[in-house]
C-alpha atoms as a PDB file:
ATOM      1  CA  GLN A   1     -22.448 -36.124  -7.002  1.00  0.00           C
ATOM      2  CA  VAL A   2     -25.032 -38.937  -7.610  1.00  0.00           C
ATOM      3  CA  GLN A   3     -28.525 -38.925  -6.274  1.00  0.00           C
ATOM      4  CA  LEU A   4     -29.620 -42.191  -4.661  1.00  0.00           C
ATOM      5  CA  VAL A   5     -32.647 -43.645  -3.617  1.00  0.00           C
ATOM      6  CA  GLU A   6     -33.254 -46.794  -1.268  1.00  0.00           C
ATOM      7  CA  SER A   7     -36.269 -49.092  -1.031  1.00  0.00           C
ATOM      8  CA  GLY A   8     -37.239 -52.404   0.024  1.00  0.00           C
ATOM      9  CA  GLY A   9     -36.830 -51.958   3.418  1.00  0.00           C
ATOM     10  CA  GLY A  10     -39.282 -53.150   5.979  1.00  0.00           C
ATOM     11  CA  LEU A  11     -40.384 -55.646   9.245  1.00  0.00           C
ATOM     12  CA  VAL A  12     -38.913 -59.436   8.678  1.00  0.00           C
ATOM     13  CA  GLN A  13     -39.093 -62.239  11.220  1.00  0.00           C
ATOM     14  CA  ALA A  14     -35.616 -63.959  12.229  1.00  0.00           C
ATOM     15  CA  GLY A  15     -34.363 -66.198   9.846  1.00  0.00           C
ATOM     16  CA  GLY A  16     -36.192 -64.045   6.853  1.00  0.00           C
ATOM     17  CA  SER A  17     -34.753 -62.216   3.843  1.00  0.00           C
ATOM     18  CA  LEU A  18     -35.065 -59.043   2.006  1.00  0.00           C
ATOM     19  CA  ARG A  19     -33.794 -57.336  -0.839  1.00  0.00           C
ATOM     20  CA  LEU A  20     -32.626 -53.560  -0.648  1.00  0.00           C
ATOM     21  CA  SER A  21     -32.334 -51.462  -3.933  1.00  0.00           C
ATOM     22  CA  CYS A  22     -30.668 -48.350  -4.439  1.00  0.00           C
ATOM     23  CA  THR A  23     -31.227 -46.474  -7.531  1.00  0.00           C
ATOM     24  CA  ALA A  24     -28.781 -43.784  -8.906  1.00  0.00           C
ATOM     25  CA  SER A  25     -29.395 -40.944 -10.901  1.00  0.00           C
ATOM     26  CA  GLY A  26     -26.696 -39.680 -13.170  1.00  0.00           C
ATOM     27  CA  SER A  27     -24.113 -41.235 -15.805  1.00  0.00           C
ATOM     28  CA  ILE A  28     -21.350 -42.038 -13.609  1.00  0.00           C
ATOM     29  CA  PHE A  29     -22.852 -44.725 -11.797  1.00  0.00           C
ATOM     30  CA  SER A  30     -20.794 -47.427 -13.892  1.00  0.00           C
ATOM     31  CA  ILE A  31     -17.625 -46.043 -12.446  1.00  0.00           C
ATOM     32  CA  SER A  32     -18.511 -45.136  -8.901  1.00  0.00           C
ATOM     33  CA  SER A  33     -17.589 -47.684  -5.876  1.00  0.00           C
ATOM     34  CA  MET A  34     -21.243 -48.590  -4.236  1.00  0.00           C
ATOM     35  CA  GLY A  35     -21.619 -49.599  -0.711  1.00  0.00           C
ATOM     36  CA  TRP A  36     -24.211 -49.971   1.879  1.00  0.00           C
ATOM     37  CA  PHE A  37     -23.650 -49.027   5.602  1.00  0.00           C
ATOM     38  CA  ARG A  38     -26.166 -49.337   8.494  1.00  0.00           C
ATOM     39  CA  GLN A  39     -27.099 -47.740  12.007  1.00  0.00           C
ATOM     40  CA  GLY A  40     -28.404 -49.620  14.392  1.00  0.00           C
ATOM     41  CA  PRO A  41     -30.278 -48.206  17.479  1.00  0.00           C
ATOM     42  CA  GLY A  42     -27.376 -46.526  19.840  1.00  0.00           C
ATOM     43  CA  LYS A  43     -24.769 -47.596  17.376  1.00  0.00           C
ATOM     44  CA  GLN A  44     -22.069 -45.812  15.212  1.00  0.00           C
ATOM     45  CA  ARG A  45     -22.950 -46.262  11.529  1.00  0.00           C
ATOM     46  CA  GLU A  46     -20.923 -48.998  10.117  1.00  0.00           C
ATOM     47  CA  LEU A  47     -20.022 -50.451   6.524  1.00  0.00           C
ATOM     48  CA  VAL A  48     -21.977 -53.616   5.530  1.00  0.00           C
ATOM     49  CA  ALA A  49     -20.803 -54.268   2.120  1.00  0.00           C
ATOM     50  CA  ALA A  50     -19.235 -52.314  -0.822  1.00  0.00           C
ATOM     51  CA  ILE A  51     -18.447 -53.172  -4.556  1.00  0.00           C
ATOM     52  CA  THR A  52     -15.946 -51.594  -6.812  1.00  0.00           C
ATOM     53  CA  PRO A  53     -17.081 -50.771 -10.299  1.00  0.00           C
ATOM     54  CA  GLY A  54     -15.462 -53.894 -11.482  1.00  0.00           C
ATOM     55  CA  GLY A  55     -17.663 -55.948  -8.905  1.00  0.00           C
ATOM     56  CA  LEU A  56     -14.963 -56.544  -6.471  1.00  0.00           C
ATOM     57  CA  THR A  57     -16.607 -56.980  -2.810  1.00  0.00           C
ATOM     58  CA  ASN A  58     -16.060 -56.337   0.659  1.00  0.00           C
ATOM     59  CA  TYR A  59     -18.367 -57.498   3.509  1.00  0.00           C
ATOM     60  CA  ALA A  60     -18.488 -56.640   7.253  1.00  0.00           C
ATOM     61  CA  ASP A  61     -17.600 -60.221   9.128  1.00  0.00           C
ATOM     62  CA  SER A  62     -21.059 -60.056  10.676  1.00  0.00           C
ATOM     63  CA  VAL A  63     -22.820 -60.303   7.554  1.00  0.00           C
ATOM     64  CA  LYS A  64     -20.211 -62.602   5.533  1.00  0.00           C
ATOM     65  CA  GLY A  65     -22.241 -65.512   4.158  1.00  0.00           C
ATOM     66  CA  ARG A  66     -25.865 -64.014   4.607  1.00  0.00           C
ATOM     67  CA  PHE A  67     -25.868 -60.976   2.639  1.00  0.00           C
ATOM     68  CA  THR A  68     -24.603 -60.305  -1.114  1.00  0.00           C
ATOM     69  CA  ILE A  69     -24.208 -56.836  -2.881  1.00  0.00           C
ATOM     70  CA  SER A  70     -24.429 -56.449  -6.395  1.00  0.00           C
ATOM     71  CA  ARG A  71     -25.079 -54.068  -8.762  1.00  0.00           C
ATOM     72  CA  ASP A  72     -26.446 -53.561 -12.376  1.00  0.00           C
ATOM     73  CA  ASN A  73     -24.847 -51.021 -14.273  1.00  0.00           C
ATOM     74  CA  ALA A  74     -27.105 -50.829 -17.147  1.00  0.00           C
ATOM     75  CA  LYS A  75     -29.990 -49.922 -14.564  1.00  0.00           C
ATOM     76  CA  ASN A  76     -28.064 -47.747 -12.423  1.00  0.00           C
ATOM     77  CA  THR A  77     -29.047 -49.773  -9.510  1.00  0.00           C
ATOM     78  CA  LEU A  78     -27.459 -51.450  -6.530  1.00  0.00           C
ATOM     79  CA  TYR A  79     -28.704 -54.373  -4.455  1.00  0.00           C
ATOM     80  CA  LEU A  80     -28.071 -56.196  -1.037  1.00  0.00           C
ATOM     81  CA  GLN A  81     -29.634 -59.312  -0.868  1.00  0.00           C
ATOM     82  CA  MET A  82     -30.138 -60.043   3.127  1.00  0.00           C
ATOM     83  CA  ASN A  83     -30.584 -63.636   4.060  1.00  0.00           C
ATOM     84  CA  SER A  84     -30.683 -65.080   7.381  1.00  0.00           C
ATOM     85  CA  LEU A  85     -31.563 -61.846   9.057  1.00  0.00           C
ATOM     86  CA  GLU A  86     -31.083 -61.728  12.777  1.00  0.00           C
ATOM     87  CA  PRO A  87     -32.332 -59.390  15.299  1.00  0.00           C
ATOM     88  CA  GLU A  88     -29.141 -57.534  15.398  1.00  0.00           C
ATOM     89  CA  ASP A  89     -29.273 -56.756  11.622  1.00  0.00           C
ATOM     90  CA  THR A  90     -32.287 -54.128  12.614  1.00  0.00           C
ATOM     91  CA  ALA A  91     -30.784 -50.735  11.568  1.00  0.00           C
ATOM     92  CA  VAL A  92     -31.431 -48.033   8.890  1.00  0.00           C
ATOM     93  CA  TYR A  93     -29.539 -48.825   6.051  1.00  0.00           C
ATOM     94  CA  TYR A  94     -27.988 -46.405   3.764  1.00  0.00           C
ATOM     95  CA  CYS A  95     -26.622 -46.476   0.062  1.00  0.00           C
ATOM     96  CA  THR A  96     -23.583 -44.620  -0.795  1.00  0.00           C
ATOM     97  CA  ALA A  97     -21.527 -43.879  -3.555  1.00  0.00           C
ATOM     98  CA  ASP A  98     -17.999 -42.314  -4.398  1.00  0.00           C
ATOM     99  CA  PRO A  99     -15.577 -42.888  -7.287  1.00  0.00           C
ATOM    100  CA  LEU A 100     -12.745 -43.759  -4.656  1.00  0.00           C
ATOM    101  CA  PHE A 101     -13.542 -47.249  -3.332  1.00  0.00           C
ATOM    102  CA  SER A 102     -11.022 -46.447  -0.238  1.00  0.00           C
ATOM    103  CA  ARG A 103     -12.633 -43.493   0.598  1.00  0.00           C
ATOM    104  CA  LEU A 104     -16.403 -45.147   0.172  1.00  0.00           C
ATOM    105  CA  ARG A 105     -15.457 -48.008   2.412  1.00  0.00           C
ATOM    106  CA  VAL A 106     -14.437 -45.818   5.596  1.00  0.00           C
ATOM    107  CA  GLY A 107     -17.636 -43.721   5.393  1.00  0.00           C
ATOM    108  CA  GLN A 108     -16.618 -40.873   3.420  1.00  0.00           C
ATOM    109  CA  GLY A 109     -18.408 -41.407   0.346  1.00  0.00           C
ATOM    110  CA  SER A 110     -19.684 -38.350  -1.495  1.00  0.00           C
ATOM    111  CA  SER A 111     -23.336 -39.371  -1.673  1.00  0.00           C
ATOM    112  CA  TRP A 112     -25.737 -40.845   0.449  1.00  0.00           C
ATOM    113  CA  GLY A 113     -29.184 -41.879   0.154  1.00  0.00           C
ATOM    114  CA  GLN A 114     -31.851 -41.031   2.739  1.00  0.00           C
ATOM    115  CA  GLY A 115     -31.856 -44.682   4.374  1.00  0.00           C
ATOM    116  CA  THR A 116     -34.484 -47.157   4.888  1.00  0.00           C
ATOM    117  CA  GLN A 117     -35.285 -49.102   7.829  1.00  0.00           C
ATOM    118  CA  ILE A 118     -34.922 -52.669   8.336  1.00  0.00           C
ATOM    119  CA  THR A 119     -36.713 -54.188  11.464  1.00  0.00           C
ATOM    120  CA  VAL A 120     -36.075 -57.900  12.451  1.00  0.00           C
ATOM    121  CA  SER A 121     -38.187 -59.311  14.870  1.00  0.00           C
ATOM    122  CA  ALA A 122     -36.970 -62.574  17.258  1.00  0.00           C
END
């Protein structure tokens, strides 16, 4: 397993931007698919964005054009740049990792961070 620690959450006004980071321990980061999930109040956890070791990406329709996922394998770090934030983006955001992209993107990743709260005010 990979140990994951998220950072960068907080309170922001609608229309603002935030960048989340997820730092991973272990030497398998570069060969792991990585992703961000979120769980809003009263909602199920859902995929926000995912990225393969080679940099192929997948986004939820609700964040396309606003969010960008990226990774720095040299730093063992995953990022989520969030622009044009909306109140509907309010949620706890989780970083996840798995060797299999197909497993990760359906929420069955083997490693998860503790989550970081994003609150977007209207």
